[in-house]
N, C-alpha and C. Protein backbone atom coordinates (compact mmCIF):
# COMPACT_ATOMS: atom_id res chain seq x y z
N MET A 1 57.04 74.88 84.11
CA MET A 1 57.61 74.01 83.09
C MET A 1 58.83 73.28 83.53
N GLY A 2 58.85 71.92 83.38
CA GLY A 2 59.95 71.18 83.98
C GLY A 2 61.20 71.18 83.13
N THR A 3 62.27 70.74 83.70
CA THR A 3 63.57 70.76 82.95
C THR A 3 63.69 69.48 82.14
N ASP A 4 64.05 69.53 81.04
CA ASP A 4 64.32 68.42 80.13
C ASP A 4 65.65 67.79 80.44
N LYS A 5 65.69 66.70 81.20
CA LYS A 5 66.98 66.11 81.57
C LYS A 5 67.91 65.77 80.46
N GLY A 6 67.32 65.28 79.35
CA GLY A 6 68.12 65.02 78.15
C GLY A 6 68.78 66.17 77.51
N LEU A 7 68.06 67.10 77.49
CA LEU A 7 68.59 68.47 76.85
C LEU A 7 69.78 68.99 77.83
N ILE A 8 69.40 68.92 79.10
CA ILE A 8 70.50 69.48 80.02
C ILE A 8 71.75 68.67 80.00
N ASP A 9 71.52 67.28 79.98
CA ASP A 9 72.66 66.46 79.84
C ASP A 9 73.53 66.73 78.65
N SER A 10 72.76 66.94 77.50
CA SER A 10 73.51 67.17 76.30
C SER A 10 74.22 68.51 76.26
N LEU A 11 73.53 69.59 76.90
CA LEU A 11 74.25 70.86 76.90
C LEU A 11 75.43 70.83 77.86
N ARG A 12 75.20 70.21 79.04
CA ARG A 12 76.39 69.93 79.97
C ARG A 12 77.63 69.28 79.24
N LEU A 13 77.32 68.22 78.46
CA LEU A 13 78.34 67.53 77.76
C LEU A 13 79.04 68.43 76.83
N GLU A 14 78.37 69.19 76.00
CA GLU A 14 78.90 70.19 75.10
C GLU A 14 79.83 71.14 75.81
N LEU A 15 79.33 71.69 76.88
CA LEU A 15 80.11 72.65 77.73
C LEU A 15 81.35 71.97 78.26
N ARG A 16 81.27 70.85 78.82
CA ARG A 16 82.47 70.07 79.35
C ARG A 16 83.56 69.72 78.32
N ARG A 17 83.07 69.36 77.06
CA ARG A 17 83.86 68.95 75.97
C ARG A 17 84.89 69.96 75.71
N GLY A 18 84.54 71.25 75.73
CA GLY A 18 85.37 72.35 75.43
C GLY A 18 86.43 72.50 76.48
N THR A 19 86.21 72.04 77.62
CA THR A 19 87.22 72.32 78.80
C THR A 19 88.17 71.21 79.02
N LEU A 20 88.00 69.92 78.37
CA LEU A 20 88.74 68.84 78.68
C LEU A 20 90.16 69.00 78.13
N VAL A 21 90.35 69.57 77.07
CA VAL A 21 91.70 69.85 76.39
C VAL A 21 92.54 70.65 77.39
N LEU A 22 91.83 71.76 77.84
CA LEU A 22 92.65 72.66 78.73
C LEU A 22 92.89 71.90 80.11
N SER A 23 91.92 71.09 80.62
CA SER A 23 92.04 70.43 81.81
C SER A 23 93.29 69.47 81.69
N VAL A 24 93.33 68.69 80.59
CA VAL A 24 94.39 67.65 80.45
C VAL A 24 95.81 68.33 80.36
N LEU A 25 95.76 69.37 79.54
CA LEU A 25 97.13 70.18 79.36
C LEU A 25 97.50 70.70 80.71
N SER A 26 96.65 71.12 81.55
CA SER A 26 96.95 71.73 82.78
C SER A 26 97.65 70.70 83.84
N ARG A 27 97.39 69.46 83.61
CA ARG A 27 97.88 68.37 84.56
C ARG A 27 99.04 67.58 84.02
N THR A 28 99.51 67.88 82.63
CA THR A 28 100.60 67.19 82.20
C THR A 28 101.86 67.96 82.08
N ASP A 29 102.17 68.83 82.96
CA ASP A 29 103.30 69.61 83.01
C ASP A 29 104.46 68.62 83.50
N GLU A 30 104.09 67.61 84.28
CA GLU A 30 104.88 66.52 84.70
C GLU A 30 104.47 65.27 84.13
N PRO A 31 105.25 64.18 83.84
CA PRO A 31 104.63 62.99 83.20
C PRO A 31 103.65 62.37 84.15
N LYS A 32 102.51 61.83 83.53
CA LYS A 32 101.43 61.15 84.18
C LYS A 32 100.93 60.06 83.35
N TYR A 33 100.55 58.97 83.97
CA TYR A 33 99.96 57.86 83.17
C TYR A 33 98.51 58.06 83.29
N GLY A 34 97.90 57.28 82.53
CA GLY A 34 96.29 57.55 82.28
C GLY A 34 95.50 57.58 83.62
N TYR A 35 95.73 56.50 84.38
CA TYR A 35 95.00 56.45 85.72
C TYR A 35 95.18 57.51 86.66
N ALA A 36 96.51 57.84 86.71
CA ALA A 36 97.03 59.04 87.58
C ALA A 36 96.44 60.30 87.03
N LEU A 37 96.20 60.46 85.77
CA LEU A 37 95.64 61.70 85.26
C LEU A 37 94.15 61.67 85.51
N VAL A 38 93.55 60.61 85.48
CA VAL A 38 92.16 60.47 85.67
C VAL A 38 91.94 60.96 87.15
N GLN A 39 92.75 60.35 88.06
CA GLN A 39 92.63 60.69 89.51
C GLN A 39 92.89 62.25 89.72
N SER A 40 93.99 62.67 89.07
CA SER A 40 94.33 64.02 89.34
C SER A 40 93.30 65.07 89.00
N LEU A 41 92.68 64.75 87.71
CA LEU A 41 91.55 65.61 87.27
C LEU A 41 90.33 65.52 88.22
N LEU A 42 90.05 64.13 88.69
CA LEU A 42 88.96 63.96 89.69
C LEU A 42 89.16 64.74 90.88
N ASP A 43 90.39 64.76 91.42
CA ASP A 43 90.73 65.44 92.73
C ASP A 43 90.46 66.99 92.43
N MET A 44 90.56 67.40 91.24
CA MET A 44 90.38 68.87 91.05
C MET A 44 88.90 69.20 90.64
N GLY A 45 88.06 68.16 90.75
CA GLY A 45 86.66 68.45 90.38
C GLY A 45 86.31 68.25 89.01
N VAL A 46 87.24 67.67 88.20
CA VAL A 46 86.86 67.38 86.70
C VAL A 46 86.88 65.91 86.46
N PRO A 47 85.70 65.33 86.66
CA PRO A 47 85.66 63.90 86.35
C PRO A 47 85.81 63.64 84.85
N ILE A 48 86.50 62.59 84.47
CA ILE A 48 86.70 62.29 82.99
C ILE A 48 86.74 60.63 82.98
N ASP A 49 85.97 60.25 82.03
CA ASP A 49 85.84 58.82 81.80
C ASP A 49 87.10 58.32 81.01
N PRO A 50 87.73 57.27 81.38
CA PRO A 50 88.90 56.71 80.70
C PRO A 50 88.66 56.61 79.14
N ASN A 51 87.33 56.27 78.81
CA ASN A 51 87.06 56.08 77.40
C ASN A 51 87.05 57.36 76.63
N THR A 52 86.93 58.51 77.34
CA THR A 52 87.05 59.85 76.82
C THR A 52 88.55 60.23 76.82
N LEU A 53 89.29 59.92 77.98
CA LEU A 53 90.66 60.44 78.07
C LEU A 53 91.65 59.91 77.11
N TYR A 54 91.60 58.50 76.89
CA TYR A 54 92.69 57.90 76.09
C TYR A 54 92.52 58.39 74.64
N PRO A 55 91.40 58.48 73.99
CA PRO A 55 91.39 59.02 72.65
C PRO A 55 91.89 60.46 72.62
N LEU A 56 91.56 61.29 73.65
CA LEU A 56 92.04 62.66 73.73
C LEU A 56 93.43 62.73 73.85
N LEU A 57 94.10 61.90 74.71
CA LEU A 57 95.51 61.87 74.83
C LEU A 57 96.16 61.56 73.53
N ARG A 58 95.62 60.49 72.77
CA ARG A 58 96.21 60.22 71.47
C ARG A 58 96.14 61.39 70.46
N ARG A 59 95.02 62.01 70.57
CA ARG A 59 94.84 63.23 69.59
C ARG A 59 95.72 64.34 70.00
N LEU A 60 95.91 64.63 71.25
CA LEU A 60 96.86 65.71 71.71
C LEU A 60 98.33 65.32 71.27
N GLU A 61 98.62 63.98 71.40
CA GLU A 61 99.95 63.50 70.96
C GLU A 61 100.15 63.71 69.53
N SER A 62 99.21 63.37 68.73
CA SER A 62 99.17 63.47 67.31
C SER A 62 99.38 64.88 66.78
N GLN A 63 98.79 65.89 67.68
CA GLN A 63 98.83 67.26 67.42
C GLN A 63 100.24 67.93 67.79
N GLY A 64 100.96 67.18 68.41
CA GLY A 64 102.41 67.66 68.99
C GLY A 64 102.29 68.34 70.30
N LEU A 65 101.14 68.23 71.06
CA LEU A 65 100.97 68.88 72.30
C LEU A 65 101.52 68.14 73.47
N LEU A 66 101.43 66.81 73.23
CA LEU A 66 101.94 65.80 74.26
C LEU A 66 102.92 64.91 73.72
N ILE A 67 103.72 64.29 74.55
CA ILE A 67 104.55 63.26 74.13
C ILE A 67 104.44 62.21 75.14
N SER A 68 104.53 60.87 74.58
CA SER A 68 104.42 59.83 75.53
C SER A 68 105.63 58.96 75.63
N GLU A 69 105.76 58.30 76.86
CA GLU A 69 106.98 57.38 76.94
C GLU A 69 106.56 56.20 77.73
N TRP A 70 107.00 55.04 77.41
CA TRP A 70 106.69 53.79 78.11
C TRP A 70 107.57 53.75 79.27
N GLU A 71 107.16 53.39 80.39
CA GLU A 71 107.94 53.11 81.65
C GLU A 71 107.87 51.50 81.89
N THR A 72 108.83 50.79 81.73
CA THR A 72 108.73 49.40 81.84
C THR A 72 109.41 48.72 83.11
N ASP A 73 110.00 49.72 83.90
CA ASP A 73 110.73 49.18 85.16
C ASP A 73 109.85 48.66 86.22
N GLY A 74 108.66 49.11 86.36
CA GLY A 74 107.66 48.71 87.45
C GLY A 74 107.09 47.40 87.23
N PRO A 75 106.10 47.04 88.10
CA PRO A 75 105.54 45.72 88.10
C PRO A 75 104.78 45.53 86.74
N LYS A 76 104.34 46.60 86.16
CA LYS A 76 103.56 46.61 84.84
C LYS A 76 103.94 47.83 83.99
N PRO A 77 103.97 47.60 82.71
CA PRO A 77 104.35 48.87 81.89
C PRO A 77 103.34 49.83 81.94
N ARG A 78 103.71 51.13 81.94
CA ARG A 78 102.77 52.24 81.88
C ARG A 78 103.32 53.25 80.87
N LYS A 79 102.37 53.94 80.23
CA LYS A 79 102.56 54.91 79.25
C LYS A 79 102.30 56.25 79.93
N TYR A 80 103.44 57.02 79.98
CA TYR A 80 103.37 58.36 80.61
C TYR A 80 103.29 59.45 79.50
N TYR A 81 102.39 60.45 79.90
CA TYR A 81 102.16 61.45 78.92
C TYR A 81 102.77 62.83 79.59
N ARG A 82 103.32 63.75 78.89
CA ARG A 82 103.64 65.00 79.32
C ARG A 82 103.53 66.11 78.25
N ARG A 83 103.31 67.22 78.58
CA ARG A 83 103.34 68.40 77.59
C ARG A 83 104.67 68.53 76.87
N THR A 84 104.60 68.89 75.61
CA THR A 84 105.82 69.29 74.93
C THR A 84 105.89 70.69 75.09
N PRO A 85 107.15 71.34 74.74
CA PRO A 85 107.27 72.78 74.73
C PRO A 85 106.21 73.40 73.98
N PHE A 86 105.80 72.94 72.72
CA PHE A 86 104.75 73.43 72.00
C PHE A 86 103.37 73.23 72.66
N GLY A 87 103.22 72.28 73.46
CA GLY A 87 101.99 72.15 74.23
C GLY A 87 101.87 73.01 75.30
N THR A 88 103.10 73.34 75.95
CA THR A 88 102.96 74.42 77.05
C THR A 88 102.74 75.74 76.48
N GLU A 89 103.14 76.13 75.25
CA GLU A 89 102.87 77.30 74.63
C GLU A 89 101.44 77.45 74.29
N ILE A 90 100.81 76.33 73.76
CA ILE A 90 99.37 76.34 73.40
C ILE A 90 98.56 76.44 74.71
N TYR A 91 99.00 75.58 75.81
CA TYR A 91 98.28 75.62 77.06
C TYR A 91 98.25 77.06 77.57
N ARG A 92 99.29 77.78 77.57
CA ARG A 92 99.36 79.13 78.04
C ARG A 92 98.33 80.11 77.32
N GLU A 93 98.24 79.95 75.96
CA GLU A 93 97.33 80.62 75.19
C GLU A 93 95.93 80.34 75.53
N LEU A 94 95.58 79.03 75.56
CA LEU A 94 94.38 78.56 75.92
C LEU A 94 93.92 79.02 77.35
N ARG A 95 94.78 79.01 78.26
CA ARG A 95 94.51 79.37 79.72
C ARG A 95 94.20 80.83 79.66
N ASN A 96 94.97 81.81 78.89
CA ASN A 96 94.64 83.16 78.82
C ASN A 96 93.34 83.40 78.27
N GLU A 97 92.90 82.58 77.20
CA GLU A 97 91.63 82.69 76.69
C GLU A 97 90.49 82.38 77.56
N TRP A 98 90.83 81.28 78.35
CA TRP A 98 89.83 80.82 79.29
C TRP A 98 89.56 81.89 80.34
N ASN A 99 90.68 82.46 80.84
CA ASN A 99 90.48 83.50 81.83
C ASN A 99 89.71 84.75 81.31
N GLN A 100 89.88 85.09 80.11
CA GLN A 100 89.11 86.16 79.52
C GLN A 100 87.64 85.79 79.45
N MET A 101 87.39 84.61 78.93
CA MET A 101 85.97 84.16 78.79
C MET A 101 85.34 84.02 80.09
N ALA A 102 85.96 83.46 81.05
CA ALA A 102 85.42 83.27 82.31
C ALA A 102 85.15 84.58 82.99
N GLY A 103 85.97 85.51 82.81
CA GLY A 103 85.64 86.87 83.41
C GLY A 103 84.45 87.54 82.72
N ALA A 104 84.40 87.46 81.39
CA ALA A 104 83.25 87.89 80.68
C ALA A 104 82.02 87.27 81.19
N MET A 105 82.04 85.89 81.27
CA MET A 105 80.82 85.21 81.67
C MET A 105 80.39 85.52 83.09
N GLU A 106 81.34 85.79 83.88
CA GLU A 106 81.00 86.29 85.31
C GLU A 106 80.27 87.61 85.23
N LEU A 107 80.67 88.50 84.46
CA LEU A 107 80.09 89.83 84.28
C LEU A 107 78.62 89.61 83.69
N LEU A 108 78.54 88.73 82.70
CA LEU A 108 77.22 88.48 82.15
C LEU A 108 76.23 87.90 83.13
N MET A 109 76.67 87.03 83.98
CA MET A 109 75.79 86.34 84.85
C MET A 109 75.47 87.25 86.09
N LYS A 110 76.43 88.27 86.38
CA LYS A 110 76.13 89.10 87.49
C LYS A 110 74.94 90.03 87.08
N GLU A 111 74.95 90.48 85.90
CA GLU A 111 73.95 91.33 85.27
C GLU A 111 72.66 90.80 85.44
N GLU A 112 72.47 89.57 85.35
CA GLU A 112 71.10 89.00 85.48
C GLU A 112 70.53 88.92 86.84
N SER A 113 71.51 89.08 87.80
CA SER A 113 71.02 88.94 89.27
C SER A 113 70.14 90.09 89.66
């Protein structure tokens, strides 16, 4: 029986969608503008499309997890994002939850071997 590429792509997207908030929060302890954030995530093995990133940044900002500031001193204006103290608190909770789930998944997958 062959693998249904459409199904795999859909399930992969669903799996990744749940990790993007944690990924973005992990990289915004220091101010970063959008392109630098895309590159930082890519360097860590988490590719993200800018069309996915910018709406996510706006949503996280509206939830009070990020704050943005315009930098206009350079050759072109850039909007920098960083975690708020509340965002850091939420990030730590999500990171702990991730570590617990990852450990449980590791055990589940070891059992099948």
